[in-house]
Amino acid sequence: MKNKSFAILAVLALSVVVLTGCERKEPLEEPSREPSKEPSKEIEPEVARKAPGFTIKAFDGKTISLSDFKGKIVVLEWFNYECPFVLRHYGKTTTMIDLANKYTDKNVVWLAINSTSNATPEANMEFAQNRKLPYPILDDTSGTVARAYGAQTTPHMFVIDTKGSIAYQGAIDNDERGRKRKGVINYVDKALAELTGGKEVSTTDTMPYGCIVKFTK
């Protein structure tokens, strides 16, 4: 009798195991494939849109507004005196200074903007004086103007036409590593030559290269 009872219990236990093993398990939840709803931290402005207005101070304390240059072509150069990509254009080759001087009598204004969070007016002034810049360095350590334009790197160049629209945005040239001997295209020079010659800008958008703009966290 005891053997019979033991056999019945064994069969019942086996049934429970089998049923448990056959139970359907819910699939693991897959990670969401929907795009993040957070805004991108690096948003490129649309070329030919109106340039955002701004009013900020230069290293000498003078307040400068974009509206001060209505009817002029304005070049904005995102700048950082600690960035090697920027310094390369202020060393043996003085790309930015040469371009500013080249077009100074052709209704063109050049403005450098430093949006680096730890930049100081004193350091901006020292750099400008040592390099004898023919244009001011504007203080945007809050990053407000850089974010409005979608500035990503230093340098990141913007050319604003006489109607106040962004005619070009992107790299200064196609020589990211500074090693090309032939075939170097200076996009800003090209855009300025076309605008001052009464033509439309043929290359309106390129990928900027350089150091990432160091915004305030």
C-alpha atoms as a PDB file:
ATOM      1  CA  MET A   1       0.000   0.000   0.000  1.00  0.00           C
ATOM      2  CA  LYS A   2       2.824   2.285   0.886  1.00  0.00           C
ATOM      3  CA  ASN A   3       4.505   1.546  -2.448  1.00  0.00           C
ATOM      4  CA  LYS A   4       1.273   2.370  -4.306  1.00  0.00           C
ATOM      5  CA  SER A   5       0.885   5.681  -2.465  1.00  0.00           C
ATOM      6  CA  PHE A   6       4.498   6.576  -3.220  1.00  0.00           C
ATOM      7  CA  ALA A   7       3.967   5.852  -6.901  1.00  0.00           C
ATOM      8  CA  ILE A   8       0.887   8.094  -7.032  1.00  0.00           C
ATOM      9  CA  LEU A   9       2.794  10.956  -5.380  1.00  0.00           C
ATOM     10  CA  ALA A  10       5.669  10.561  -7.830  1.00  0.00           C
ATOM     11  CA  VAL A  11       3.308  10.754 -10.806  1.00  0.00           C
ATOM     12  CA  LEU A  12       1.673  13.907  -9.415  1.00  0.00           C
ATOM     13  CA  ALA A  13       5.045  15.559  -8.843  1.00  0.00           C
ATOM     14  CA  LEU A  14       6.159  14.729 -12.372  1.00  0.00           C
ATOM     15  CA  SER A  15       2.955  16.233 -13.759  1.00  0.00           C
ATOM     16  CA  VAL A  16       3.588  19.484 -11.923  1.00  0.00           C
ATOM     17  CA  VAL A  17       7.125  19.674 -13.333  1.00  0.00           C
ATOM     18  CA  VAL A  18       5.932  19.017 -16.882  1.00  0.00           C
ATOM     19  CA  LEU A  19       3.156  21.589 -16.643  1.00  0.00           C
ATOM     20  CA  THR A  20       5.519  24.158 -15.200  1.00  0.00           C
ATOM     21  CA  GLY A  21       8.030  23.562 -17.962  1.00  0.00           C
ATOM     22  CA  CYS A  22       5.336  23.991 -20.621  1.00  0.00           C
ATOM     23  CA  GLU A  23       4.069  27.257 -19.211  1.00  0.00           C
ATOM     24  CA  ARG A  24       4.526  30.092 -21.796  1.00  0.00           C
ATOM     25  CA  LYS A  25       6.953  32.700 -20.661  1.00  0.00           C
ATOM     26  CA  GLU A  26       6.435  36.364 -21.547  1.00  0.00           C
ATOM     27  CA  PRO A  27       9.143  37.706 -23.919  1.00  0.00           C
ATOM     28  CA  LEU A  28      11.673  40.114 -22.504  1.00  0.00           C
ATOM     29  CA  GLU A  29      10.719  43.701 -23.099  1.00  0.00           C
ATOM     30  CA  GLU A  30      12.663  45.087 -26.050  1.00  0.00           C
ATOM     31  CA  PRO A  31      14.271  48.491 -25.668  1.00  0.00           C
ATOM     32  CA  SER A  32      12.312  51.329 -27.198  1.00  0.00           C
ATOM     33  CA  ARG A  33      13.258  52.057 -30.782  1.00  0.00           C
ATOM     34  CA  GLU A  34      11.567  55.428 -30.859  1.00  0.00           C
ATOM     35  CA  PRO A  35      13.961  58.352 -31.289  1.00  0.00           C
ATOM     36  CA  SER A  36      14.846  60.372 -28.247  1.00  0.00           C
ATOM     37  CA  LYS A  37      12.488  63.267 -27.716  1.00  0.00           C
ATOM     38  CA  GLU A  38      15.257  65.382 -26.223  1.00  0.00           C
ATOM     39  CA  PRO A  39      16.449  68.138 -28.570  1.00  0.00           C
ATOM     40  CA  SER A  40      19.771  67.600 -30.283  1.00  0.00           C
ATOM     41  CA  LYS A  41      22.671  69.462 -28.715  1.00  0.00           C
ATOM     42  CA  GLU A  42      24.130  70.112 -32.120  1.00  0.00           C
ATOM     43  CA  ILE A  43      21.612  71.615 -34.491  1.00  0.00           C
ATOM     44  CA  GLU A  44      22.839  73.025 -37.760  1.00  0.00           C
ATOM     45  CA  PRO A  45      20.993  76.156 -38.860  1.00  0.00           C
ATOM     46  CA  GLU A  46      19.344  76.156 -42.239  1.00  0.00           C
ATOM     47  CA  VAL A  47      21.348  78.157 -44.730  1.00  0.00           C
ATOM     48  CA  ALA A  48      19.434  81.156 -46.145  1.00  0.00           C
ATOM     49  CA  ARG A  49      17.456  81.607 -42.935  1.00  0.00           C
ATOM     50  CA  LYS A  50      17.566  84.916 -41.101  1.00  0.00           C
ATOM     51  CA  ALA A  51      20.620  85.269 -38.903  1.00  0.00           C
ATOM     52  CA  PRO A  52      19.662  85.447 -35.208  1.00  0.00           C
ATOM     53  CA  GLY A  53      20.236  88.879 -33.750  1.00  0.00           C
ATOM     54  CA  PHE A  54      22.502  89.379 -30.754  1.00  0.00           C
ATOM     55  CA  THR A  55      23.987  92.030 -28.520  1.00  0.00           C
ATOM     56  CA  ILE A  56      27.172  91.099 -26.654  1.00  0.00           C
ATOM     57  CA  LYS A  57      30.324  92.769 -25.368  1.00  0.00           C
ATOM     58  CA  ALA A  58      33.790  92.739 -26.850  1.00  0.00           C
ATOM     59  CA  PHE A  59      36.926  92.293 -24.728  1.00  0.00           C
ATOM     60  CA  ASP A  60      37.217  96.067 -24.342  1.00  0.00           C
ATOM     61  CA  GLY A  61      33.730  96.321 -22.841  1.00  0.00           C
ATOM     62  CA  LYS A  62      32.177  97.814 -25.972  1.00  0.00           C
ATOM     63  CA  THR A  63      28.700  96.492 -26.734  1.00  0.00           C
ATOM     64  CA  ILE A  64      28.220  95.210 -30.271  1.00  0.00           C
ATOM     65  CA  SER A  65      24.954  94.209 -31.933  1.00  0.00           C
ATOM     66  CA  LEU A  66      24.453  92.414 -35.208  1.00  0.00           C
ATOM     67  CA  SER A  67      21.971  95.141 -36.133  1.00  0.00           C
ATOM     68  CA  ASP A  68      24.863  97.645 -36.075  1.00  0.00           C
ATOM     69  CA  PHE A  69      25.951  96.202 -39.416  1.00  0.00           C
ATOM     70  CA  LYS A  70      22.665  96.254 -41.283  1.00  0.00           C
ATOM     71  CA  GLY A  71      23.283  96.280 -45.030  1.00  0.00           C
ATOM     72  CA  LYS A  72      26.781  94.832 -44.652  1.00  0.00           C
ATOM     73  CA  ILE A  73      28.181  91.345 -45.147  1.00  0.00           C
ATOM     74  CA  VAL A  74      29.113  89.927 -41.742  1.00  0.00           C
ATOM     75  CA  VAL A  75      31.487  87.044 -41.059  1.00  0.00           C
ATOM     76  CA  LEU A  76      31.161  85.284 -37.707  1.00  0.00           C
ATOM     77  CA  GLU A  77      34.123  83.185 -36.649  1.00  0.00           C
ATOM     78  CA  TRP A  78      33.613  80.920 -33.631  1.00  0.00           C
ATOM     79  CA  PHE A  79      36.879  81.212 -31.789  1.00  0.00           C
ATOM     80  CA  ASN A  80      38.833  79.662 -28.904  1.00  0.00           C
ATOM     81  CA  TYR A  81      42.363  80.856 -28.124  1.00  0.00           C
ATOM     82  CA  GLU A  82      43.224  77.402 -26.697  1.00  0.00           C
ATOM     83  CA  CYS A  83      42.099  75.360 -29.711  1.00  0.00           C
ATOM     84  CA  PRO A  84      44.907  74.058 -31.971  1.00  0.00           C
ATOM     85  CA  PHE A  85      42.602  74.138 -35.005  1.00  0.00           C
ATOM     86  CA  VAL A  86      42.080  77.858 -34.407  1.00  0.00           C
ATOM     87  CA  LEU A  87      45.725  78.557 -33.596  1.00  0.00           C
ATOM     88  CA  ARG A  88      46.797  76.960 -36.866  1.00  0.00           C
ATOM     89  CA  HIS A  89      45.096  79.845 -38.682  1.00  0.00           C
ATOM     90  CA  TYR A  90      46.859  82.402 -36.478  1.00  0.00           C
ATOM     91  CA  GLY A  91      50.399  81.030 -36.710  1.00  0.00           C
ATOM     92  CA  LYS A  92      52.599  80.742 -39.778  1.00  0.00           C
ATOM     93  CA  THR A  93      49.470  81.216 -41.850  1.00  0.00           C
ATOM     94  CA  THR A  94      47.204  84.059 -40.781  1.00  0.00           C
ATOM     95  CA  THR A  95      44.104  82.900 -42.612  1.00  0.00           C
ATOM     96  CA  MET A  96      41.493  84.851 -40.687  1.00  0.00           C
ATOM     97  CA  ILE A  97      43.443  88.107 -40.489  1.00  0.00           C
ATOM     98  CA  ASP A  98      44.324  87.971 -44.185  1.00  0.00           C
ATOM     99  CA  LEU A  99      40.698  87.402 -45.183  1.00  0.00           C
ATOM    100  CA  ALA A 100      39.423  90.183 -42.934  1.00  0.00           C
ATOM    101  CA  ASN A 101      41.953  92.600 -44.423  1.00  0.00           C
ATOM    102  CA  LYS A 102      41.237  91.428 -47.964  1.00  0.00           C
ATOM    103  CA  TYR A 103      37.554  92.330 -47.740  1.00  0.00           C
ATOM    104  CA  THR A 104      37.634  95.231 -45.288  1.00  0.00           C
ATOM    105  CA  ASP A 105      37.002  97.750 -48.099  1.00  0.00           C
ATOM    106  CA  LYS A 106      34.264  95.644 -49.672  1.00  0.00           C
ATOM    107  CA  ASN A 107      31.460  96.198 -47.170  1.00  0.00           C
ATOM    108  CA  VAL A 108      32.501  93.177 -45.078  1.00  0.00           C
ATOM    109  CA  VAL A 109      32.675  93.073 -41.265  1.00  0.00           C
ATOM    110  CA  TRP A 110      34.519  90.302 -39.408  1.00  0.00           C
ATOM    111  CA  LEU A 111      33.613  89.322 -35.837  1.00  0.00           C
ATOM    112  CA  ALA A 112      35.228  86.590 -33.746  1.00  0.00           C
ATOM    113  CA  ILE A 113      33.022  85.083 -31.028  1.00  0.00           C
ATOM    114  CA  ASN A 114      34.386  83.150 -28.054  1.00  0.00           C
ATOM    115  CA  SER A 115      31.714  80.928 -26.476  1.00  0.00           C
ATOM    116  CA  THR A 116      34.171  78.897 -24.391  1.00  0.00           C
ATOM    117  CA  SER A 117      32.735  78.737 -20.868  1.00  0.00           C
ATOM    118  CA  ASN A 118      36.015  79.525 -19.089  1.00  0.00           C
ATOM    119  CA  ALA A 119      37.251  82.217 -21.489  1.00  0.00           C
ATOM    120  CA  THR A 120      38.026  85.648 -20.062  1.00  0.00           C
ATOM    121  CA  PRO A 121      37.918  89.128 -21.614  1.00  0.00           C
ATOM    122  CA  GLU A 122      41.523  89.640 -20.504  1.00  0.00           C
ATOM    123  CA  ALA A 123      42.728  86.551 -22.388  1.00  0.00           C
ATOM    124  CA  ASN A 124      40.709  87.565 -25.450  1.00  0.00           C
ATOM    125  CA  MET A 125      42.282  91.021 -25.347  1.00  0.00           C
ATOM    126  CA  GLU A 126      45.791  89.633 -24.924  1.00  0.00           C
ATOM    127  CA  PHE A 127      45.333  87.340 -27.924  1.00  0.00           C
ATOM    128  CA  ALA A 128      43.902  90.144 -30.061  1.00  0.00           C
ATOM    129  CA  GLN A 129      46.706  92.542 -29.170  1.00  0.00           C
ATOM    130  CA  ASN A 130      49.508  90.001 -29.634  1.00  0.00           C
ATOM    131  CA  ARG A 131      48.151  88.920 -33.025  1.00  0.00           C
ATOM    132  CA  LYS A 132      47.129  92.473 -33.979  1.00  0.00           C
ATOM    133  CA  LEU A 133      43.639  91.433 -34.966  1.00  0.00           C
ATOM    134  CA  PRO A 134      41.797  93.959 -37.133  1.00  0.00           C
ATOM    135  CA  TYR A 135      38.491  92.832 -35.592  1.00  0.00           C
ATOM    136  CA  PRO A 136      37.079  92.322 -32.073  1.00  0.00           C
ATOM    137  CA  ILE A 137      36.633  89.103 -30.108  1.00  0.00           C
ATOM    138  CA  LEU A 138      33.147  89.035 -28.601  1.00  0.00           C
ATOM    139  CA  ASP A 139      32.427  87.430 -25.230  1.00  0.00           C
ATOM    140  CA  ASP A 140      29.697  84.756 -25.350  1.00  0.00           C
ATOM    141  CA  THR A 141      30.742  82.603 -22.386  1.00  0.00           C
ATOM    142  CA  SER A 142      27.061  81.946 -21.633  1.00  0.00           C
ATOM    143  CA  GLY A 143      26.828  80.188 -25.000  1.00  0.00           C
ATOM    144  CA  THR A 144      23.606  82.010 -25.880  1.00  0.00           C
ATOM    145  CA  VAL A 145      24.698  83.200 -29.312  1.00  0.00           C
ATOM    146  CA  ALA A 146      26.472  79.938 -30.153  1.00  0.00           C
ATOM    147  CA  ARG A 147      23.333  77.935 -29.404  1.00  0.00           C
ATOM    148  CA  ALA A 148      21.192  80.331 -31.432  1.00  0.00           C
ATOM    149  CA  TYR A 149      23.397  79.741 -34.471  1.00  0.00           C
ATOM    150  CA  GLY A 150      24.078  76.071 -33.819  1.00  0.00           C
ATOM    151  CA  ALA A 151      27.831  76.651 -33.613  1.00  0.00           C
ATOM    152  CA  GLN A 152      29.518  73.298 -33.061  1.00  0.00           C
ATOM    153  CA  THR A 153      33.252  73.770 -33.362  1.00  0.00           C
ATOM    154  CA  THR A 154      36.056  76.275 -33.276  1.00  0.00           C
ATOM    155  CA  PRO A 155      36.394  77.466 -35.883  1.00  0.00           C
ATOM    156  CA  HIS A 156      32.821  77.364 -37.186  1.00  0.00           C
ATOM    157  CA  MET A 157      32.204  80.012 -39.812  1.00  0.00           C
ATOM    158  CA  PHE A 158      29.024  81.881 -40.738  1.00  0.00           C
ATOM    159  CA  VAL A 159      28.686  84.405 -43.554  1.00  0.00           C
ATOM    160  CA  ILE A 160      25.656  86.690 -43.360  1.00  0.00           C
ATOM    161  CA  ASP A 161      24.602  88.534 -46.499  1.00  0.00           C
ATOM    162  CA  THR A 162      23.444  92.141 -46.813  1.00  0.00           C
ATOM    163  CA  LYS A 163      19.826  91.058 -46.319  1.00  0.00           C
ATOM    164  CA  GLY A 164      20.619  89.496 -42.956  1.00  0.00           C
ATOM    165  CA  SER A 165      20.390  85.871 -44.081  1.00  0.00           C
ATOM    166  CA  ILE A 166      22.970  83.145 -43.517  1.00  0.00           C
ATOM    167  CA  ALA A 167      24.575  82.626 -46.913  1.00  0.00           C
ATOM    168  CA  TYR A 168      27.219  80.147 -45.784  1.00  0.00           C
ATOM    169  CA  GLN A 169      27.943  78.059 -42.703  1.00  0.00           C
ATOM    170  CA  GLY A 170      30.570  75.424 -42.014  1.00  0.00           C
ATOM    171  CA  ALA A 171      34.336  74.977 -42.196  1.00  0.00           C
ATOM    172  CA  ILE A 172      36.861  77.647 -43.070  1.00  0.00           C
ATOM    173  CA  ASP A 173      38.330  75.314 -45.705  1.00  0.00           C
ATOM    174  CA  ASN A 174      38.645  71.692 -46.828  1.00  0.00           C
ATOM    175  CA  ASP A 175      42.033  71.174 -45.181  1.00  0.00           C
ATOM    176  CA  GLU A 176      41.093  69.740 -41.785  1.00  0.00           C
ATOM    177  CA  ARG A 177      44.584  68.486 -40.926  1.00  0.00           C
ATOM    178  CA  GLY A 178      46.441  71.387 -42.487  1.00  0.00           C
ATOM    179  CA  ARG A 179      48.540  69.103 -44.668  1.00  0.00           C
ATOM    180  CA  LYS A 180      47.242  69.771 -48.153  1.00  0.00           C
ATOM    181  CA  ARG A 181      49.589  71.443 -50.613  1.00  0.00           C
ATOM    182  CA  LYS A 182      47.168  71.493 -53.527  1.00  0.00           C
ATOM    183  CA  GLY A 183      43.434  71.678 -53.924  1.00  0.00           C
ATOM    184  CA  VAL A 184      42.757  73.707 -50.778  1.00  0.00           C
ATOM    185  CA  ILE A 185      39.421  75.510 -51.005  1.00  0.00           C
ATOM    186  CA  ASN A 186      38.757  78.356 -48.597  1.00  0.00           C
ATOM    187  CA  TYR A 187      34.972  78.304 -48.422  1.00  0.00           C
ATOM    188  CA  VAL A 188      34.683  81.668 -46.685  1.00  0.00           C
ATOM    189  CA  ASP A 189      36.919  83.394 -49.225  1.00  0.00           C
ATOM    190  CA  LYS A 190      34.880  81.806 -51.997  1.00  0.00           C
ATOM    191  CA  ALA A 191      31.571  82.905 -50.456  1.00  0.00           C
ATOM    192  CA  LEU A 192      32.797  86.462 -49.889  1.00  0.00           C
ATOM    193  CA  ALA A 193      34.147  86.731 -53.429  1.00  0.00           C
ATOM    194  CA  GLU A 194      30.776  85.650 -54.800  1.00  0.00           C
ATOM    195  CA  LEU A 195      28.729  87.934 -52.553  1.00  0.00           C
ATOM    196  CA  THR A 196      30.888  90.995 -53.159  1.00  0.00           C
ATOM    197  CA  GLY A 197      30.775  90.197 -56.868  1.00  0.00           C
ATOM    198  CA  GLY A 198      26.981  90.256 -56.875  1.00  0.00           C
ATOM    199  CA  LYS A 199      26.643  86.489 -57.256  1.00  0.00           C
ATOM    200  CA  GLU A 200      24.854  83.818 -55.248  1.00  0.00           C
ATOM    201  CA  VAL A 201      26.975  81.667 -52.957  1.00  0.00           C
ATOM    202  CA  SER A 202      27.603  78.368 -54.736  1.00  0.00           C
ATOM    203  CA  THR A 203      28.694  76.373 -51.676  1.00  0.00           C
ATOM    204  CA  THR A 204      26.311  77.199 -48.855  1.00  0.00           C
ATOM    205  CA  ASP A 205      26.947  74.442 -46.350  1.00  0.00           C
ATOM    206  CA  THR A 206      29.921  72.294 -45.303  1.00  0.00           C
ATOM    207  CA  MET A 207      30.795  70.216 -42.249  1.00  0.00           C
ATOM    208  CA  PRO A 208      32.765  72.307 -39.735  1.00  0.00           C
ATOM    209  CA  TYR A 209      35.881  70.860 -38.127  1.00  0.00           C
ATOM    210  CA  GLY A 210      37.839  71.799 -35.030  1.00  0.00           C
ATOM    211  CA  CYS A 211      37.489  71.693 -31.263  1.00  0.00           C
ATOM    212  CA  ILE A 212      34.003  71.220 -29.849  1.00  0.00           C
ATOM    213  CA  VAL A 213      32.524  74.428 -28.440  1.00  0.00           C
ATOM    214  CA  LYS A 214      32.929  74.101 -24.664  1.00  0.00           C
ATOM    215  CA  PHE A 215      29.584  75.279 -23.329  1.00  0.00           C
ATOM    216  CA  THR A 216      28.786  76.015 -19.703  1.00  0.00           C
ATOM    217  CA  LYS A 217      27.434  72.823 -18.098  1.00  0.00           C
END
